[in-house]
PDB file of N, CA and C in Angstrom:
ATOM      1  N   UNK A   1      29.024-131.137 220.652  1.00  0.00           N
ATOM      2  CA  UNK A   1      29.526-130.492 219.452  1.00  0.00           C
ATOM      3  C   UNK A   1      29.709-131.570 218.384  1.00  0.00           C
ATOM      4  N   UNK A   2      29.178-131.289 217.202  1.00  0.00           N
ATOM      5  CA  UNK A   2      29.141-132.316 216.174  1.00  0.00           C
ATOM      6  C   UNK A   2      30.369-132.379 215.278  1.00  0.00           C
ATOM      7  N   UNK A   3      31.014-131.256 215.029  1.00  0.00           N
ATOM      8  CA  UNK A   3      32.082-131.295 214.035  1.00  0.00           C
ATOM      9  C   UNK A   3      33.281-130.453 214.440  1.00  0.00           C
ATOM     10  N   UNK A   4      34.372-130.727 213.756  1.00  0.00           N
ATOM     11  CA  UNK A   4      35.583-129.929 213.952  1.00  0.00           C
ATOM     12  C   UNK A   4      35.321-128.478 213.573  1.00  0.00           C
ATOM     13  N   UNK A   5      34.507-128.265 212.528  1.00  0.00           N
ATOM     14  CA  UNK A   5      34.191-126.897 212.097  1.00  0.00           C
ATOM     15  C   UNK A   5      33.518-126.118 213.226  1.00  0.00           C
ATOM     16  N   UNK A   6      32.592-126.753 213.916  1.00  0.00           N
ATOM     17  CA  UNK A   6      31.910-126.077 215.025  1.00  0.00           C
ATOM     18  C   UNK A   6      32.900-125.722 216.142  1.00  0.00           C
ATOM     19  N   UNK A   7      33.764-126.660 216.468  1.00  0.00           N
ATOM     20  CA  UNK A   7      34.780-126.412 217.488  1.00  0.00           C
ATOM     21  C   UNK A   7      35.695-125.263 217.062  1.00  0.00           C
ATOM     22  N   UNK A   8      36.155-125.304 215.816  1.00  0.00           N
ATOM     23  CA  UNK A   8      37.057-124.258 215.311  1.00  0.00           C
ATOM     24  C   UNK A   8      36.396-122.884 215.337  1.00  0.00           C
ATOM     25  N   UNK A   9      35.125-122.837 214.993  1.00  0.00           N
ATOM     26  CA  UNK A   9      34.410-121.559 215.005  1.00  0.00           C
ATOM     27  C   UNK A   9      34.386-120.985 216.418  1.00  0.00           C
ATOM     28  N   UNK A  10      34.025-121.811 217.390  1.00  0.00           N
ATOM     29  CA  UNK A  10      33.993-121.324 218.774  1.00  0.00           C
ATOM     30  C   UNK A  10      35.370-120.889 219.247  1.00  0.00           C
ATOM     31  N   UNK A  11      36.393-121.635 218.892  1.00  0.00           N
ATOM     32  CA  UNK A  11      37.763-121.254 219.279  1.00  0.00           C
ATOM     33  C   UNK A  11      38.161-119.926 218.644  1.00  0.00           C
ATOM     34  N   UNK A  12      37.841-119.762 217.371  1.00  0.00           N
ATOM     35  CA  UNK A  12      38.181-118.514 216.676  1.00  0.00           C
ATOM     36  C   UNK A  12      37.458-117.322 217.280  1.00  0.00           C
ATOM     37  N   UNK A  13      36.180-117.495 217.625  1.00  0.00           N
ATOM     38  CA  UNK A  13      35.435-116.392 218.237  1.00  0.00           C
ATOM     39  C   UNK A  13      36.004-116.064 219.615  1.00  0.00           C
ATOM     40  N   UNK A  14      36.409-117.088 220.366  1.00  0.00           N
ATOM     41  CA  UNK A  14      37.003-116.833 221.681  1.00  0.00           C
ATOM     42  C   UNK A  14      38.302-116.034 221.543  1.00  0.00           C
ATOM     43  N   UNK A  15      39.141-116.417 220.592  1.00  0.00           N
ATOM     44  CA  UNK A  15      40.431-115.754 220.402  1.00  0.00           C
ATOM     45  C   UNK A  15      40.263-114.358 219.799  1.00  0.00           C
ATOM     46  N   UNK A  16      39.391-114.245 218.796  1.00  0.00           N
ATOM     47  CA  UNK A  16      39.243-112.982 218.066  1.00  0.00           C
ATOM     48  C   UNK A  16      38.084-112.122 218.540  1.00  0.00           C
ATOM     49  N   UNK A  17      37.295-112.587 219.464  1.00  0.00           N
ATOM     50  CA  UNK A  17      36.135-111.918 220.028  1.00  0.00           C
ATOM     51  C   UNK A  17      34.957-111.832 219.057  1.00  0.00           C
ATOM     52  N   UNK A  18      35.239-111.679 217.766  1.00  0.00           N
ATOM     53  CA  UNK A  18      34.143-111.575 216.796  1.00  0.00           C
ATOM     54  C   UNK A  18      34.629-112.008 215.421  1.00  0.00           C
ATOM     55  N   UNK A  19      33.672-112.202 214.555  1.00  0.00           N
ATOM     56  CA  UNK A  19      33.953-112.481 213.143  1.00  0.00           C
ATOM     57  C   UNK A  19      33.297-111.351 212.367  1.00  0.00           C
ATOM     58  N   UNK A  20      34.096-110.552 211.691  1.00  0.00           N
ATOM     59  CA  UNK A  20      33.575-109.375 211.005  1.00  0.00           C
ATOM     60  C   UNK A  20      32.786-109.721 209.749  1.00  0.00           C
ATOM     61  N   UNK A  21      33.249-110.693 209.001  1.00  0.00           N
ATOM     62  CA  UNK A  21      32.587-111.053 207.749  1.00  0.00           C
ATOM     63  C   UNK A  21      32.476-112.569 207.655  1.00  0.00           C
ATOM     64  N   UNK A  22      31.252-113.056 207.651  1.00  0.00           N
ATOM     65  CA  UNK A  22      31.072-114.503 207.551  1.00  0.00           C
ATOM     66  C   UNK A  22      31.552-115.031 206.206  1.00  0.00           C
ATOM     67  N   UNK A  23      31.429-114.212 205.171  1.00  0.00           N
ATOM     68  CA  UNK A  23      31.894-114.629 203.836  1.00  0.00           C
ATOM     69  C   UNK A  23      33.413-114.785 203.840  1.00  0.00           C
ATOM     70  N   UNK A  24      34.116-113.797 204.362  1.00  0.00           N
ATOM     71  CA  UNK A  24      35.575-113.870 204.430  1.00  0.00           C
ATOM     72  C   UNK A  24      36.021-115.014 205.342  1.00  0.00           C
ATOM     73  N   UNK A  25      35.320-115.188 206.459  1.00  0.00           N
ATOM     74  CA  UNK A  25      35.673-116.265 207.388  1.00  0.00           C
ATOM     75  C   UNK A  25      35.496-117.624 206.715  1.00  0.00           C
ATOM     76  N   UNK A  26      34.349-117.823 206.065  1.00  0.00           N
ATOM     77  CA  UNK A  26      34.092-119.109 205.396  1.00  0.00           C
ATOM     78  C   UNK A  26      35.154-119.389 204.346  1.00  0.00           C
ATOM     79  N   UNK A  27      35.513-118.374 203.581  1.00  0.00           N
ATOM     80  CA  UNK A  27      36.539-118.533 202.554  1.00  0.00           C
ATOM     81  C   UNK A  27      37.878-118.908 203.177  1.00  0.00           C
ATOM     82  N   UNK A  28      38.241-118.220 204.248  1.00  0.00           N
ATOM     83  CA  UNK A  28      39.545-118.482 204.879  1.00  0.00           C
ATOM     84  C   UNK A  28      39.618-119.868 205.503  1.00  0.00           C
ATOM     85  N   UNK A  29      38.481-120.418 205.898  1.00  0.00           N
ATOM     86  CA  UNK A  29      38.447-121.741 206.525  1.00  0.00           C
ATOM     87  C   UNK A  29      38.026-122.838 205.555  1.00  0.00           C
ATOM     88  N   UNK A  30      37.860-122.458 204.293  1.00  0.00           N
ATOM     89  CA  UNK A  30      37.442-123.404 203.257  1.00  0.00           C
ATOM     90  C   UNK A  30      36.116-124.089 203.625  1.00  0.00           C
ATOM     91  N   UNK A  31      35.178-123.280 204.128  1.00  0.00           N
ATOM     92  CA  UNK A  31      33.847-123.765 204.499  1.00  0.00           C
ATOM     93  C   UNK A  31      32.818-123.211 203.527  1.00  0.00           C
ATOM     94  N   UNK A  32      31.785-123.972 203.284  1.00  0.00           N
ATOM     95  CA  UNK A  32      30.650-123.464 202.523  1.00  0.00           C
ATOM     96  C   UNK A  32      29.966-122.391 203.370  1.00  0.00           C
ATOM     97  N   UNK A  33      29.709-121.221 202.779  1.00  0.00           N
ATOM     98  CA  UNK A  33      29.139-120.112 203.534  1.00  0.00           C
ATOM     99  C   UNK A  33      27.780-120.469 204.135  1.00  0.00           C
ATOM    100  N   UNK A  34      26.929-121.151 203.389  1.00  0.00           N
ATOM    101  CA  UNK A  34      25.608-121.494 203.921  1.00  0.00           C
ATOM    102  C   UNK A  34      25.724-122.470 205.101  1.00  0.00           C
ATOM    103  N   UNK A  35      26.719-123.356 205.072  1.00  0.00           N
ATOM    104  CA  UNK A  35      26.950-124.262 206.210  1.00  0.00           C
ATOM    105  C   UNK A  35      27.389-123.461 207.429  1.00  0.00           C
ATOM    106  N   UNK A  36      28.282-122.496 207.215  1.00  0.00           N
ATOM    107  CA  UNK A  36      28.732-121.644 208.312  1.00  0.00           C
ATOM    108  C   UNK A  36      27.552-120.906 208.932  1.00  0.00           C
ATOM    109  N   UNK A  37      26.701-120.326 208.114  1.00  0.00           N
ATOM    110  CA  UNK A  37      25.539-119.588 208.620  1.00  0.00           C
ATOM    111  C   UNK A  37      24.637-120.530 209.419  1.00  0.00           C
ATOM    112  N   UNK A  38      24.445-121.748 208.929  1.00  0.00           N
ATOM    113  CA  UNK A  38      23.644-122.725 209.669  1.00  0.00           C
ATOM    114  C   UNK A  38      24.226-123.029 211.041  1.00  0.00           C
ATOM    115  N   UNK A  39      25.536-123.198 211.099  1.00  0.00           N
ATOM    116  CA  UNK A  39      26.205-123.464 212.378  1.00  0.00           C
ATOM    117  C   UNK A  39      26.036-122.271 213.313  1.00  0.00           C
ATOM    118  N   UNK A  40      26.253-121.062 212.788  1.00  0.00           N
ATOM    119  CA  UNK A  40      26.137-119.866 213.621  1.00  0.00           C
ATOM    120  C   UNK A  40      24.714-119.688 214.148  1.00  0.00           C
ATOM    121  N   UNK A  41      23.719-119.911 213.288  1.00  0.00           N
ATOM    122  CA  UNK A  41      22.325-119.777 213.726  1.00  0.00           C
ATOM    123  C   UNK A  41      21.970-120.845 214.759  1.00  0.00           C
ATOM    124  N   UNK A  42      22.525-122.030 214.598  1.00  0.00           N
ATOM    125  CA  UNK A  42      22.305-123.091 215.578  1.00  0.00           C
ATOM    126  C   UNK A  42      22.914-122.699 216.921  1.00  0.00           C
ATOM    127  N   UNK A  43      24.130-122.161 216.889  1.00  0.00           N
ATOM    128  CA  UNK A  43      24.767-121.684 218.117  1.00  0.00           C
ATOM    129  C   UNK A  43      23.923-120.595 218.769  1.00  0.00           C
ATOM    130  N   UNK A  44      23.388-119.697 217.962  1.00  0.00           N
ATOM    131  CA  UNK A  44      22.584-118.610 218.522  1.00  0.00           C
ATOM    132  C   UNK A  44      21.311-119.166 219.175  1.00  0.00           C
ATOM    133  N   UNK A  45      20.658-120.109 218.504  1.00  0.00           N
ATOM    134  CA  UNK A  45      19.426-120.672 219.077  1.00  0.00           C
ATOM    135  C   UNK A  45      19.710-121.445 220.363  1.00  0.00           C
ATOM    136  N   UNK A  46      20.927-121.983 220.488  1.00  0.00           N
ATOM    137  CA  UNK A  46      21.329-122.687 221.715  1.00  0.00           C
ATOM    138  C   UNK A  46      21.817-121.723 222.807  1.00  0.00           C
ATOM    139  N   UNK A  47      21.900-120.433 222.484  1.00  0.00           N
ATOM    140  CA  UNK A  47      22.367-119.443 223.447  1.00  0.00           C
ATOM    141  C   UNK A  47      23.871-119.403 223.604  1.00  0.00           C
ATOM    142  N   UNK A  48      24.592-119.985 222.647  1.00  0.00           N
ATOM    143  CA  UNK A  48      26.052-120.050 222.717  1.00  0.00           C
ATOM    144  C   UNK A  48      26.700-118.782 222.156  1.00  0.00           C
ATOM    145  N   UNK A  49      26.119-118.224 221.107  1.00  0.00           N
ATOM    146  CA  UNK A  49      26.631-117.011 220.463  1.00  0.00           C
ATOM    147  C   UNK A  49      25.503-116.003 220.297  1.00  0.00           C
ATOM    148  N   UNK A  50      25.868-114.744 220.202  1.00  0.00           N
ATOM    149  CA  UNK A  50      24.921-113.690 219.852  1.00  0.00           C
ATOM    150  C   UNK A  50      25.342-113.147 218.501  1.00  0.00           C
ATOM    151  N   UNK A  51      24.456-113.244 217.514  1.00  0.00           N
ATOM    152  CA  UNK A  51      24.758-112.761 216.173  1.00  0.00           C
ATOM    153  C   UNK A  51      24.266-111.332 216.004  1.00  0.00           C
ATOM    154  N   UNK A  52      25.045-110.566 215.277  1.00  0.00           N
ATOM    155  CA  UNK A  52      24.683-109.196 214.912  1.00  0.00           C
ATOM    156  C   UNK A  52      24.817-109.087 213.397  1.00  0.00           C
ATOM    157  N   UNK A  53      23.815-109.605 212.665  1.00  0.00           N
ATOM    158  CA  UNK A  53      23.932-109.644 211.196  1.00  0.00           C
ATOM    159  C   UNK A  53      23.990-108.243 210.588  1.00  0.00           C
ATOM    160  N   UNK A  54      24.803-108.134 209.567  1.00  0.00           N
ATOM    161  CA  UNK A  54      24.906-106.901 208.784  1.00  0.00           C
ATOM    162  C   UNK A  54      24.808-107.268 207.326  1.00  0.00           C
ATOM    163  N   UNK A  55      24.206-106.404 206.588  1.00  0.00           N
ATOM    164  CA  UNK A  55      24.082-106.648 205.150  1.00  0.00           C
ATOM    165  C   UNK A  55      25.325-106.112 204.451  1.00  0.00           C
ATOM    166  N   UNK A  56      25.815-106.895 203.525  1.00  0.00           N
ATOM    167  CA  UNK A  56      26.978-106.476 202.750  1.00  0.00           C
ATOM    168  C   UNK A  56      26.579-106.508 201.283  1.00  0.00           C
ATOM    169  N   UNK A  57      26.790-105.426 200.614  1.00  0.00           N
ATOM    170  CA  UNK A  57      26.433-105.335 199.199  1.00  0.00           C
ATOM    171  C   UNK A  57      27.562-105.886 198.346  1.00  0.00           C
ATOM    172  N   UNK A  58      27.179-106.635 197.335  1.00  0.00           N
ATOM    173  CA  UNK A  58      28.144-107.174 196.386  1.00  0.00           C
ATOM    174  C   UNK A  58      27.787-106.652 195.008  1.00  0.00           C
ATOM    175  N   UNK A  59      28.778-106.200 194.309  1.00  0.00           N
ATOM    176  CA  UNK A  59      28.573-105.723 192.950  1.00  0.00           C
ATOM    177  C   UNK A  59      29.071-106.773 191.970  1.00  0.00           C
ATOM    178  N   UNK A  60      28.313-106.964 190.921  1.00  0.00           N
ATOM    179  CA  UNK A  60      28.713-107.908 189.882  1.00  0.00           C
ATOM    180  C   UNK A  60      28.278-107.346 188.539  1.00  0.00           C
ATOM    181  N   UNK A  61      29.112-107.541 187.548  1.00  0.00           N
ATOM    182  CA  UNK A  61      28.793-107.057 186.208  1.00  0.00           C
ATOM    183  C   UNK A  61      27.721-107.924 185.562  1.00  0.00           C
ATOM    184  N   UNK A  62      26.837-107.268 184.832  1.00  0.00           N
ATOM    185  CA  UNK A  62      25.853-108.000 184.040  1.00  0.00           C
ATOM    186  C   UNK A  62      26.543-108.511 182.780  1.00  0.00           C
ATOM    187  N   UNK A  63      25.863-109.368 182.061  1.00  0.00           N
ATOM    188  CA  UNK A  63      26.447-109.869 180.808  1.00  0.00           C
ATOM    189  C   UNK A  63      26.641-108.719 179.823  1.00  0.00           C
ATOM    190  N   UNK A  64      25.726-107.743 179.853  1.00  0.00           N
ATOM    191  CA  UNK A  64      25.873-106.575 178.979  1.00  0.00           C
ATOM    192  C   UNK A  64      27.133-105.789 179.319  1.00  0.00           C
ATOM    193  N   UNK A  65      27.386-105.598 180.598  1.00  0.00           N
ATOM    194  CA  UNK A  65      28.584-104.861 181.013  1.00  0.00           C
ATOM    195  C   UNK A  65      29.857-105.598 180.597  1.00  0.00           C
ATOM    196  N   UNK A  66      29.842-106.904 180.722  1.00  0.00           N
ATOM    197  CA  UNK A  66      31.008-107.692 180.306  1.00  0.00           C
ATOM    198  C   UNK A  66      31.222-107.570 178.800  1.00  0.00           C
ATOM    199  N   UNK A  67      30.135-107.536 178.056  1.00  0.00           N
ATOM    200  CA  UNK A  67      30.236-107.382 176.606  1.00  0.00           C
ATOM    201  C   UNK A  67      30.786-106.000 176.251  1.00  0.00           C
ATOM    202  N   UNK A  68      30.350-104.976 176.986  1.00  0.00           N
ATOM    203  CA  UNK A  68      30.867-103.618 176.761  1.00  0.00           C
ATOM    204  C   UNK A  68      32.370-103.579 177.012  1.00  0.00           C
ATOM    205  N   UNK A  69      32.815-104.211 178.075  1.00  0.00           N
ATOM    206  CA  UNK A  69      34.251-104.244 178.370  1.00  0.00           C
ATOM    207  C   UNK A  69      35.026-104.953 177.265  1.00  0.00           C
ATOM    208  N   UNK A  70      34.414-105.980 176.721  1.00  0.00           N
ATOM    209  CA  UNK A  70      35.085-106.762 175.682  1.00  0.00           C
ATOM    210  C   UNK A  70      35.108-106.017 174.345  1.00  0.00           C
ATOM    211  N   UNK A  71      33.953-105.458 173.933  1.00  0.00           N
ATOM    212  CA  UNK A  71      33.822-104.849 172.607  1.00  0.00           C
ATOM    213  C   UNK A  71      34.074-103.344 172.591  1.00  0.00           C
ATOM    214  N   UNK A  72      33.865-102.704 173.718  1.00  0.00           N
ATOM    215  CA  UNK A  72      33.912-101.247 173.747  1.00  0.00           C
ATOM    216  C   UNK A  72      32.486-100.710 173.684  1.00  0.00           C
ATOM    217  N   UNK A  73      32.266 -99.571 174.285  1.00  0.00           N
ATOM    218  CA  UNK A  73      30.919 -99.019 174.403  1.00  0.00           C
ATOM    219  C   UNK A  73      30.309 -98.661 173.051  1.00  0.00           C
ATOM    220  N   UNK A  74      31.086 -98.092 172.152  1.00  0.00           N
ATOM    221  CA  UNK A  74      30.531 -97.683 170.863  1.00  0.00           C
ATOM    222  C   UNK A  74      30.081 -98.877 170.038  1.00  0.00           C
ATOM    223  N   UNK A  75      30.875 -99.923 170.019  1.00  0.00           N
ATOM    224  CA  UNK A  75      30.506-101.128 169.289  1.00  0.00           C
ATOM    225  C   UNK A  75      29.273-101.774 169.910  1.00  0.00           C
ATOM    226  N   UNK A  76      29.209-101.804 171.220  1.00  0.00           N
ATOM    227  CA  UNK A  76      28.052-102.386 171.898  1.00  0.00           C
ATOM    228  C   UNK A  76      26.787-101.608 171.577  1.00  0.00           C
ATOM    229  N   UNK A  77      26.887-100.271 171.628  1.00  0.00           N
ATOM    230  CA  UNK A  77      25.718 -99.439 171.304  1.00  0.00           C
ATOM    231  C   UNK A  77      25.264 -99.680 169.872  1.00  0.00           C
ATOM    232  N   UNK A  78      26.216 -99.783 168.970  1.00  0.00           N
ATOM    233  CA  UNK A  78      25.886-100.019 167.564  1.00  0.00           C
ATOM    234  C   UNK A  78      25.136-101.348 167.411  1.00  0.00           C
ATOM    235  N   UNK A  79      25.577-102.388 168.125  1.00  0.00           N
ATOM    236  CA  UNK A  79      24.952-103.707 168.045  1.00  0.00           C
ATOM    237  C   UNK A  79      23.589-103.778 168.735  1.00  0.00           C
ATOM    238  N   UNK A  80      23.396-103.003 169.805  1.00  0.00           N
ATOM    239  CA  UNK A  80      22.209-103.167 170.636  1.00  0.00           C
ATOM    240  C   UNK A  80      21.215-102.020 170.596  1.00  0.00           C
ATOM    241  N   UNK A  81      21.612-100.877 170.167  1.00  0.00           N
ATOM    242  CA  UNK A  81      20.708 -99.728 170.167  1.00  0.00           C
ATOM    243  C   UNK A  81      20.485 -99.256 168.735  1.00  0.00           C
ATOM    244  N   UNK A  82      19.474 -99.782 168.125  1.00  0.00           N
ATOM    245  CA  UNK A  82      19.198 -99.398 166.734  1.00  0.00           C
ATOM    246  C   UNK A  82      18.151 -98.295 166.712  1.00  0.00           C
ATOM    247  N   UNK A  83      18.081 -97.595 165.614  1.00  0.00           N
ATOM    248  CA  UNK A  83      17.120 -96.494 165.440  1.00  0.00           C
ATOM    249  C   UNK A  83      15.897 -96.987 164.678  1.00  0.00           C
ATOM    250  N   UNK A  84      15.296 -98.066 165.107  1.00  0.00           N
ATOM    251  CA  UNK A  84      14.150 -98.637 164.410  1.00  0.00           C
ATOM    252  C   UNK A  84      13.046 -97.661 164.269  1.00  0.00           C
TER     253      UNK A  84
END
């Protein structure tokens, strides 16, 4: 085992049986998410863990949506939707 992070991950999985969200886990352990995924995939390739990946959708506002929130929809439409 190369790092404390790897040891901690195995200990956490043993105690909790599973990790529901790798994003939440990485955040709670102050780990870079891509590093965590690399460790987990390495464990899986070594036969140490079995991963069951799930897709999680994330919503984020576009710059246009942020502008609408700031200016209001009518002002945004006036600025961006002209009757050329």
